[in-house]
Each structure stands twice: as C-alpha cells, then as structure tokens.
C-alpha atoms as a PDB file:
ATOM      1  CA  MET A   1       9.523   5.015   2.553  1.00  0.00           C
ATOM      2  CA  MET A   2       6.249   3.311   1.780  1.00  0.00           C
ATOM      3  CA  ASP A   3       5.431   0.309   3.931  1.00  0.00           C
ATOM      4  CA  LEU A   4       2.839  -2.428   3.697  1.00  0.00           C
ATOM      5  CA  SER A   5       0.434  -0.659   6.066  1.00  0.00           C
ATOM      6  CA  THR A   6       0.442   2.421   3.789  1.00  0.00           C
ATOM      7  CA  ILE A   7      -0.203   0.231   0.766  1.00  0.00           C
ATOM      8  CA  GLY A   8      -2.982  -1.582   2.648  1.00  0.00           C
ATOM      9  CA  ALA A   9      -4.702   1.686   3.566  1.00  0.00           C
ATOM     10  CA  ARG A  10      -4.556   2.865  -0.047  1.00  0.00           C
ATOM     11  CA  ILE A  11      -5.929  -0.455  -1.239  1.00  0.00           C
ATOM     12  CA  ALA A  12      -8.865  -0.183   1.192  1.00  0.00           C
ATOM     13  CA  THR A  13      -9.642   3.356   0.038  1.00  0.00           C
ATOM     14  CA  GLN A  14      -9.515   2.441  -3.647  1.00  0.00           C
ATOM     15  CA  ARG A  15     -11.534  -0.740  -3.123  1.00  0.00           C
ATOM     16  CA  ARG A  16     -14.306   1.199  -1.410  1.00  0.00           C
ATOM     17  CA  SER A  17     -14.295   3.916  -4.065  1.00  0.00           C
ATOM     18  CA  LEU A  18     -14.808   1.239  -6.727  1.00  0.00           C
ATOM     19  CA  GLY A  19     -17.646  -0.305  -4.729  1.00  0.00           C
ATOM     20  CA  LEU A  20     -15.898  -3.644  -4.310  1.00  0.00           C
ATOM     21  CA  THR A  21     -16.220  -5.881  -1.283  1.00  0.00           C
ATOM     22  CA  GLN A  22     -13.131  -7.536   0.099  1.00  0.00           C
ATOM     23  CA  ALA A  23     -14.474 -10.867  -1.136  1.00  0.00           C
ATOM     24  CA  ARG A  24     -14.998  -9.546  -4.679  1.00  0.00           C
ATOM     25  CA  LEU A  25     -11.537  -7.975  -4.785  1.00  0.00           C
ATOM     26  CA  ALA A  26      -9.997 -11.202  -3.515  1.00  0.00           C
ATOM     27  CA  ALA A  27     -11.813 -13.281  -6.130  1.00  0.00           C
ATOM     28  CA  ARG A  28     -10.766 -10.995  -8.971  1.00  0.00           C
ATOM     29  CA  ALA A  29      -7.140 -10.904  -7.759  1.00  0.00           C
ATOM     30  CA  GLY A  30      -6.941 -14.643  -7.122  1.00  0.00           C
ATOM     31  CA  VAL A  31      -6.114 -14.302  -3.438  1.00  0.00           C
ATOM     32  CA  SER A  32      -8.046 -15.183  -0.295  1.00  0.00           C
ATOM     33  CA  ARG A  33     -10.396 -12.735   1.387  1.00  0.00           C
ATOM     34  CA  ALA A  34      -8.350 -13.272   4.540  1.00  0.00           C
ATOM     35  CA  THR A  35      -5.309 -11.913   2.675  1.00  0.00           C
ATOM     36  CA  VAL A  36      -7.173  -8.748   1.637  1.00  0.00           C
ATOM     37  CA  THR A  37      -8.564  -8.281   5.151  1.00  0.00           C
ATOM     38  CA  ALA A  38      -5.174  -8.767   6.777  1.00  0.00           C
ATOM     39  CA  LEU A  39      -3.537  -6.361   4.330  1.00  0.00           C
ATOM     40  CA  GLU A  40      -6.139  -3.644   4.864  1.00  0.00           C
ATOM     41  CA  THR A  41      -6.128  -3.970   8.666  1.00  0.00           C
ATOM     42  CA  GLU A  42      -2.335  -4.070   9.017  1.00  0.00           C
ATOM     43  CA  ALA A  43      -2.481  -7.631  10.363  1.00  0.00           C
ATOM     44  CA  GLN A  44      -0.334  -8.772   7.438  1.00  0.00           C
ATOM     45  CA  ARG A  45       3.327  -7.944   8.040  1.00  0.00           C
ATOM     46  CA  GLU A  46       4.651  -9.601   4.875  1.00  0.00           C
ATOM     47  CA  LEU A  47       2.991 -10.334   1.573  1.00  0.00           C
ATOM     48  CA  GLY A  48       4.386 -11.691  -1.646  1.00  0.00           C
ATOM     49  CA  PHE A  49       5.023  -9.258  -4.484  1.00  0.00           C
ATOM     50  CA  ASN A  50       2.824 -11.164  -6.938  1.00  0.00           C
ATOM     51  CA  LYS A  51      -0.151 -11.020  -4.556  1.00  0.00           C
ATOM     52  CA  VAL A  52       0.280  -7.281  -4.016  1.00  0.00           C
ATOM     53  CA  MET A  53       0.569  -6.667  -7.743  1.00  0.00           C
ATOM     54  CA  ALA A  54      -2.519  -8.805  -8.483  1.00  0.00           C
ATOM     55  CA  ILE A  55      -4.551  -6.763  -5.988  1.00  0.00           C
ATOM     56  CA  LEU A  56      -3.206  -3.452  -7.319  1.00  0.00           C
ATOM     57  CA  THR A  57      -3.968  -4.482 -10.898  1.00  0.00           C
ATOM     58  CA  VAL A  58      -7.633  -5.156 -10.075  1.00  0.00           C
ATOM     59  CA  LEU A  59      -7.819  -1.717  -8.431  1.00  0.00           C
ATOM     60  CA  ASN A  60      -6.100   0.038 -11.361  1.00  0.00           C
ATOM     61  CA  LEU A  61      -3.198   1.018  -9.095  1.00  0.00           C
ATOM     62  CA  ASP A  62       0.522   0.587  -9.648  1.00  0.00           C
ATOM     63  CA  LEU A  63       3.719   0.844  -7.637  1.00  0.00           C
ATOM     64  CA  CYS A  64       6.072   3.648  -8.555  1.00  0.00           C
ATOM     65  CA  LEU A  65       9.782   3.490  -7.821  1.00  0.00           C
ATOM     66  CA  THR A  66      11.683   6.688  -7.138  1.00  0.00           C
ATOM     67  CA  ASP A  67      15.134   7.521  -5.915  1.00  0.00           C
ATOM     68  CA  ALA A  68      15.399   7.246  -2.150  1.00  0.00           C
ATOM     69  CA  ASN A  69      14.763  10.540  -0.402  1.00  0.00           C
ATOM     70  CA  ALA A  70      13.817  12.133  -3.770  1.00  0.00           C
ATOM     71  CA  GLY A  71      15.182  15.495  -2.668  1.00  0.00           C
ATOM     72  CA  ARG A  72      13.058  15.696   0.457  1.00  0.00           C
ATOM     73  CA  PRO A  73      14.804  16.906   3.595  1.00  0.00           C
ATOM     74  CA  THR A  74      15.939  14.306   6.083  1.00  0.00           C
ATOM     75  CA  LEU A  75      15.139  14.471   9.777  1.00  0.00           C
ATOM     76  CA  GLU A  76      18.656  15.753  10.377  1.00  0.00           C
ATOM     77  CA  ASP A  77      18.146  18.519   7.787  1.00  0.00           C
ATOM     78  CA  LEU A  78      14.942  19.633   9.489  1.00  0.00           C
ATOM     79  CA  GLN A  79      16.548  19.583  12.932  1.00  0.00           C
ATOM     80  CA  ARG A  80      19.478  21.702  11.702  1.00  0.00           C
ATOM     81  CA  GLU A  81      17.069  24.128  10.080  1.00  0.00           C
ATOM     82  CA  SER A  82      15.008  24.500  13.253  1.00  0.00           C
ATOM     83  CA  ARG A  83      18.140  25.299  15.288  1.00  0.00           C
ATOM     84  CA  SER A  84      19.150  28.080  12.873  1.00  0.00           C
END
C-alpha cells in the first residue's frame, strides 16, 4: 500500500530532477510552499486529493490504481514459505 510519505518522497525526487524549488512547484500547483515542504518531509499526515493531484500534474506524475495485493505474497505467505 502506498502512503503519503511514499508519495512525498517521490514528489521530492521528481521535483529535484526537474530543477524546481519547493516554492516554484508550489506556485505552479497553486498550493503553499509550506504544503510542499510538509508533504516532502512527512510532516503532513493528511492532504486533500486535489492538492496532491495538482502537485503531481506539475511534476508529470500520476497515481495508478491496481488491485490490492496485485498477486504479491502476503506476510503470512512468506512466513509459511520460510517454515517449509
């Protein structure tokens, strides 16, 4: 499961690779620099969907929905396998 801290880390990486400052990203996305900073540093526990999507759009990123678990083994599967 992807959480907000994972999204924030990816945003920071992409922002840097595009040569954008937090302030420039915030201005382009229509959010505050404090929002971008909090998201990238995991200080933001909740953030509205529209704000996340605005930031991702500026960075040419998108969210992708998949079926839960997507065929990957669960912790229980791995524990059973290690006991065998």
